[in-house]
Amino acid sequence: MPRYTRPANSEHAEDPINALGNRVRAMIIGYLREHPDSLRAEITAALDIPKATTAKALATLVEYGLVVPDPPRETATRGQWVRYRVEATAVSELYLQLGQVIGEV
């Protein structure tokens, strides 16, 4: 079984890297900053990425609290259009956390 290398005190880097360490997720955040309340189909078309990729990336961003669906997942019904927006405070906090880990802040 392979062992993953985890440097000492690296736990502060886990959340920002897992949440933001992907080009698709980063591009979705950027798109939603400029186009809040976008539908998944609009994001998919604008970024020219597969629907499944968009859905998976949005699910991860929602899980980390970086993107907020409206209506929320818990109340959305099948077939209902869901709009997404960036949770700016959460994005800023993770960005700051990553900056501290790499010594930028």
N, C-alpha and C. Protein backbone atom coordinates (compact mmCIF):
# COMPACT_ATOMS: atom_id res chain seq x y z
N MET A 1 0.85 -1.17 0.00
CA MET A 1 0.00 0.00 0.00
C MET A 1 0.90 1.25 0.00
N PRO A 2 0.65 2.19 -0.92
CA PRO A 2 1.51 3.38 -0.97
C PRO A 2 1.27 4.29 0.23
N ARG A 3 2.33 4.92 0.66
CA ARG A 3 2.24 5.91 1.74
C ARG A 3 2.31 7.29 1.12
N TYR A 4 1.46 8.16 1.60
CA TYR A 4 1.46 9.53 1.11
C TYR A 4 2.34 10.36 2.02
N THR A 5 3.15 11.19 1.41
CA THR A 5 4.03 12.06 2.17
C THR A 5 3.23 13.23 2.72
N ARG A 6 3.37 13.46 3.99
CA ARG A 6 2.70 14.59 4.65
C ARG A 6 3.73 15.31 5.51
N PRO A 7 4.22 16.44 5.04
CA PRO A 7 5.19 17.18 5.83
C PRO A 7 4.62 17.59 7.18
N ALA A 8 5.50 17.80 8.15
CA ALA A 8 5.08 18.24 9.48
C ALA A 8 4.30 19.54 9.37
N ASN A 9 3.25 19.66 10.16
CA ASN A 9 2.42 20.86 10.22
C ASN A 9 1.75 21.20 8.89
N SER A 10 1.50 20.22 8.06
CA SER A 10 0.89 20.48 6.75
C SER A 10 -0.63 20.45 6.79
N GLU A 11 -1.22 20.16 7.94
CA GLU A 11 -2.68 20.05 8.01
C GLU A 11 -3.38 21.35 7.64
N HIS A 12 -2.72 22.49 7.81
CA HIS A 12 -3.34 23.77 7.44
C HIS A 12 -3.43 23.95 5.93
N ALA A 13 -2.67 23.17 5.19
CA ALA A 13 -2.68 23.27 3.73
C ALA A 13 -3.73 22.37 3.10
N GLU A 14 -4.22 21.38 3.84
CA GLU A 14 -5.13 20.39 3.26
C GLU A 14 -6.40 20.99 2.67
N ASP A 15 -7.14 21.76 3.47
CA ASP A 15 -8.42 22.30 2.98
C ASP A 15 -8.24 23.21 1.77
N PRO A 16 -7.33 24.19 1.82
CA PRO A 16 -7.20 25.06 0.64
C PRO A 16 -6.76 24.30 -0.61
N ILE A 17 -5.85 23.36 -0.45
CA ILE A 17 -5.38 22.62 -1.61
C ILE A 17 -6.49 21.72 -2.14
N ASN A 18 -7.19 21.03 -1.27
CA ASN A 18 -8.28 20.16 -1.72
C ASN A 18 -9.42 20.95 -2.36
N ALA A 19 -9.73 22.11 -1.82
CA ALA A 19 -10.84 22.90 -2.34
C ALA A 19 -10.48 23.69 -3.58
N LEU A 20 -9.31 24.30 -3.58
CA LEU A 20 -8.94 25.21 -4.65
C LEU A 20 -7.92 24.62 -5.63
N GLY A 21 -7.33 23.48 -5.30
CA GLY A 21 -6.23 22.94 -6.09
C GLY A 21 -6.65 22.24 -7.36
N ASN A 22 -7.50 22.86 -8.13
CA ASN A 22 -8.01 22.27 -9.35
C ASN A 22 -8.38 23.41 -10.29
N ARG A 23 -7.92 23.36 -11.52
CA ARG A 23 -8.18 24.45 -12.47
C ARG A 23 -9.67 24.67 -12.71
N VAL A 24 -10.42 23.60 -12.81
CA VAL A 24 -11.85 23.74 -13.08
C VAL A 24 -12.53 24.47 -11.93
N ARG A 25 -12.25 24.06 -10.70
CA ARG A 25 -12.88 24.71 -9.55
C ARG A 25 -12.45 26.18 -9.46
N ALA A 26 -11.19 26.45 -9.72
CA ALA A 26 -10.72 27.84 -9.70
C ALA A 26 -11.41 28.68 -10.76
N MET A 27 -11.58 28.10 -11.96
CA MET A 27 -12.25 28.84 -13.04
C MET A 27 -13.73 29.05 -12.73
N ILE A 28 -14.36 28.08 -12.09
CA ILE A 28 -15.77 28.25 -11.71
C ILE A 28 -15.91 29.37 -10.70
N ILE A 29 -15.03 29.42 -9.72
CA ILE A 29 -15.07 30.51 -8.74
C ILE A 29 -14.89 31.85 -9.44
N GLY A 30 -13.92 31.92 -10.34
CA GLY A 30 -13.70 33.16 -11.08
C GLY A 30 -14.91 33.56 -11.91
N TYR A 31 -15.51 32.59 -12.58
CA TYR A 31 -16.69 32.87 -13.39
C TYR A 31 -17.85 33.36 -12.53
N LEU A 32 -18.07 32.68 -11.41
CA LEU A 32 -19.18 33.06 -10.54
C LEU A 32 -18.97 34.41 -9.86
N ARG A 33 -17.72 34.80 -9.66
CA ARG A 33 -17.47 36.15 -9.11
C ARG A 33 -17.96 37.20 -10.10
N GLU A 34 -17.77 36.95 -11.38
CA GLU A 34 -18.19 37.90 -12.41
C GLU A 34 -19.65 37.71 -12.83
N HIS A 35 -20.18 36.50 -12.64
CA HIS A 35 -21.54 36.18 -13.07
C HIS A 35 -22.28 35.47 -11.94
N PRO A 36 -22.57 36.19 -10.85
CA PRO A 36 -23.26 35.54 -9.74
C PRO A 36 -24.65 35.05 -10.15
N ASP A 37 -25.12 34.07 -9.41
CA ASP A 37 -26.44 33.49 -9.64
C ASP A 37 -26.57 32.83 -11.01
N SER A 38 -25.50 32.15 -11.43
CA SER A 38 -25.51 31.44 -12.71
C SER A 38 -26.02 30.01 -12.52
N LEU A 39 -26.63 29.52 -13.55
CA LEU A 39 -27.07 28.13 -13.59
C LEU A 39 -25.89 27.24 -13.99
N ARG A 40 -25.97 25.97 -13.64
CA ARG A 40 -24.90 25.03 -13.99
C ARG A 40 -24.68 25.00 -15.50
N ALA A 41 -25.75 25.03 -16.28
CA ALA A 41 -25.62 25.01 -17.74
C ALA A 41 -24.88 26.24 -18.26
N GLU A 42 -25.12 27.38 -17.64
CA GLU A 42 -24.42 28.61 -18.04
C GLU A 42 -22.93 28.51 -17.75
N ILE A 43 -22.59 27.95 -16.60
CA ILE A 43 -21.19 27.76 -16.23
C ILE A 43 -20.52 26.80 -17.21
N THR A 44 -21.20 25.70 -17.48
CA THR A 44 -20.68 24.68 -18.41
C THR A 44 -20.40 25.28 -19.78
N ALA A 45 -21.34 26.04 -20.29
CA ALA A 45 -21.19 26.64 -21.61
C ALA A 45 -20.08 27.69 -21.63
N ALA A 46 -20.06 28.54 -20.62
CA ALA A 46 -19.07 29.63 -20.58
C ALA A 46 -17.64 29.10 -20.47
N LEU A 47 -17.45 28.03 -19.72
CA LEU A 47 -16.11 27.49 -19.52
C LEU A 47 -15.78 26.37 -20.50
N ASP A 48 -16.78 25.97 -21.30
CA ASP A 48 -16.59 24.93 -22.31
C ASP A 48 -16.02 23.65 -21.69
N ILE A 49 -16.71 23.17 -20.67
CA ILE A 49 -16.32 21.94 -19.98
C ILE A 49 -17.51 20.99 -19.95
N PRO A 50 -17.27 19.70 -19.79
CA PRO A 50 -18.38 18.73 -19.76
C PRO A 50 -19.32 18.97 -18.58
N LYS A 51 -20.58 18.63 -18.79
CA LYS A 51 -21.61 18.79 -17.75
C LYS A 51 -21.23 18.04 -16.48
N ALA A 52 -20.75 16.82 -16.63
CA ALA A 52 -20.39 16.01 -15.45
C ALA A 52 -19.24 16.64 -14.67
N THR A 53 -18.30 17.23 -15.38
CA THR A 53 -17.17 17.90 -14.73
C THR A 53 -17.65 19.10 -13.94
N THR A 54 -18.56 19.86 -14.54
CA THR A 54 -19.13 21.02 -13.84
C THR A 54 -19.88 20.58 -12.59
N ALA A 55 -20.69 19.54 -12.73
CA ALA A 55 -21.48 19.06 -11.59
C ALA A 55 -20.58 18.60 -10.45
N LYS A 56 -19.54 17.85 -10.77
CA LYS A 56 -18.62 17.35 -9.74
C LYS A 56 -17.88 18.50 -9.07
N ALA A 57 -17.40 19.45 -9.86
CA ALA A 57 -16.68 20.60 -9.30
C ALA A 57 -17.58 21.44 -8.41
N LEU A 58 -18.81 21.68 -8.86
CA LEU A 58 -19.74 22.45 -8.05
C LEU A 58 -20.06 21.74 -6.74
N ALA A 59 -20.21 20.42 -6.79
CA ALA A 59 -20.49 19.66 -5.57
C ALA A 59 -19.35 19.82 -4.57
N THR A 60 -18.11 19.79 -5.04
CA THR A 60 -16.95 19.97 -4.16
C THR A 60 -16.93 21.38 -3.59
N LEU A 61 -17.18 22.37 -4.43
CA LEU A 61 -17.17 23.76 -3.97
C LEU A 61 -18.28 24.02 -2.95
N VAL A 62 -19.44 23.41 -3.17
CA VAL A 62 -20.55 23.54 -2.21
C VAL A 62 -20.17 22.85 -0.90
N GLU A 63 -19.57 21.68 -1.00
CA GLU A 63 -19.15 20.93 0.20
C GLU A 63 -18.20 21.75 1.06
N TYR A 64 -17.28 22.48 0.44
CA TYR A 64 -16.33 23.31 1.18
C TYR A 64 -16.91 24.67 1.56
N GLY A 65 -18.14 24.94 1.15
CA GLY A 65 -18.77 26.21 1.50
C GLY A 65 -18.28 27.39 0.69
N LEU A 66 -17.62 27.13 -0.44
CA LEU A 66 -17.09 28.20 -1.27
C LEU A 66 -18.11 28.71 -2.27
N VAL A 67 -19.08 27.88 -2.59
CA VAL A 67 -20.15 28.23 -3.51
C VAL A 67 -21.46 27.85 -2.83
N VAL A 68 -22.46 28.71 -2.99
CA VAL A 68 -23.75 28.49 -2.35
C VAL A 68 -24.81 28.29 -3.43
N PRO A 69 -25.55 27.17 -3.35
CA PRO A 69 -26.64 26.95 -4.29
C PRO A 69 -27.92 27.62 -3.81
N ASP A 70 -28.72 28.10 -4.75
CA ASP A 70 -30.03 28.68 -4.41
C ASP A 70 -31.05 28.11 -5.37
N PRO A 71 -31.97 27.30 -4.92
CA PRO A 71 -32.22 26.94 -3.53
C PRO A 71 -31.17 25.96 -3.01
N PRO A 72 -31.05 25.88 -1.68
CA PRO A 72 -30.08 24.95 -1.09
C PRO A 72 -30.39 23.50 -1.49
N ARG A 73 -29.35 22.67 -1.51
CA ARG A 73 -29.50 21.26 -1.88
C ARG A 73 -30.63 20.57 -1.12
N GLU A 74 -30.70 20.86 0.17
CA GLU A 74 -31.67 20.18 1.02
C GLU A 74 -33.12 20.45 0.61
N THR A 75 -33.38 21.60 0.01
CA THR A 75 -34.75 21.97 -0.34
C THR A 75 -35.03 21.91 -1.84
N ALA A 76 -34.00 21.73 -2.64
CA ALA A 76 -34.19 21.70 -4.10
C ALA A 76 -34.91 20.42 -4.50
N THR A 77 -35.78 20.54 -5.47
CA THR A 77 -36.49 19.37 -5.98
C THR A 77 -35.88 18.98 -7.33
N ARG A 78 -36.05 17.73 -7.68
CA ARG A 78 -35.50 17.24 -8.95
C ARG A 78 -36.06 18.07 -10.11
N GLY A 79 -35.16 18.49 -10.98
CA GLY A 79 -35.57 19.28 -12.13
C GLY A 79 -35.64 20.78 -11.86
N GLN A 80 -35.49 21.17 -10.61
CA GLN A 80 -35.54 22.60 -10.28
C GLN A 80 -34.22 23.25 -10.68
N TRP A 81 -34.28 24.42 -11.23
CA TRP A 81 -33.08 25.16 -11.62
C TRP A 81 -32.43 25.71 -10.37
N VAL A 82 -31.15 25.45 -10.25
CA VAL A 82 -30.37 25.92 -9.10
C VAL A 82 -29.37 26.95 -9.60
N ARG A 83 -29.32 28.05 -8.92
CA ARG A 83 -28.36 29.11 -9.24
C ARG A 83 -27.24 29.06 -8.21
N TYR A 84 -26.04 29.40 -8.65
CA TYR A 84 -24.87 29.33 -7.78
C TYR A 84 -24.21 30.70 -7.66
N ARG A 85 -23.68 30.95 -6.47
CA ARG A 85 -22.92 32.18 -6.24
C ARG A 85 -21.75 31.86 -5.32
N VAL A 86 -20.74 32.69 -5.39
CA VAL A 86 -19.55 32.52 -4.56
C VAL A 86 -19.81 33.02 -3.15
N GLU A 87 -19.34 32.27 -2.17
CA GLU A 87 -19.34 32.71 -0.77
C GLU A 87 -17.99 33.37 -0.56
N ALA A 88 -17.93 34.68 -0.82
CA ALA A 88 -16.67 35.42 -0.87
C ALA A 88 -15.85 35.30 0.41
N THR A 89 -16.49 35.34 1.55
CA THR A 89 -15.76 35.26 2.81
C THR A 89 -15.04 33.93 2.93
N ALA A 90 -15.71 32.84 2.60
CA ALA A 90 -15.10 31.51 2.68
C ALA A 90 -13.93 31.38 1.71
N VAL A 91 -14.07 31.91 0.50
CA VAL A 91 -12.99 31.86 -0.49
C VAL A 91 -11.80 32.66 0.02
N SER A 92 -12.05 33.84 0.55
CA SER A 92 -10.96 34.68 1.07
C SER A 92 -10.24 34.00 2.23
N GLU A 93 -10.99 33.35 3.11
CA GLU A 93 -10.38 32.67 4.25
C GLU A 93 -9.47 31.53 3.80
N LEU A 94 -9.92 30.72 2.84
CA LEU A 94 -9.09 29.62 2.36
C LEU A 94 -7.88 30.14 1.61
N TYR A 95 -8.06 31.20 0.83
CA TYR A 95 -6.96 31.80 0.10
C TYR A 95 -5.91 32.34 1.08
N LEU A 96 -6.37 32.98 2.13
CA LEU A 96 -5.47 33.49 3.17
C LEU A 96 -4.75 32.34 3.86
N GLN A 97 -5.47 31.28 4.16
CA GLN A 97 -4.87 30.11 4.81
C GLN A 97 -3.76 29.52 3.94
N LEU A 98 -4.00 29.40 2.65
CA LEU A 98 -2.98 28.89 1.74
C LEU A 98 -1.80 29.85 1.68
N GLY A 99 -2.08 31.15 1.65
CA GLY A 99 -1.01 32.15 1.64
C GLY A 99 -0.12 32.04 2.87
N GLN A 100 -0.71 31.75 4.00
CA GLN A 100 0.08 31.57 5.22
C GLN A 100 0.95 30.34 5.15
N VAL A 101 0.42 29.27 4.57
CA VAL A 101 1.19 28.03 4.47
C VAL A 101 2.40 28.22 3.57
N ILE A 102 2.24 28.96 2.48
CA ILE A 102 3.37 29.11 1.55
C ILE A 102 4.22 30.34 1.85
N GLY A 103 3.88 31.06 2.91
CA GLY A 103 4.69 32.18 3.35
C GLY A 103 4.45 33.48 2.61
N GLU A 104 3.32 33.60 1.96
CA GLU A 104 2.99 34.85 1.24
C GLU A 104 2.33 35.86 2.13
N VAL A 105 1.75 35.42 3.23
CA VAL A 105 1.01 36.31 4.11
C VAL A 105 1.65 36.30 5.48
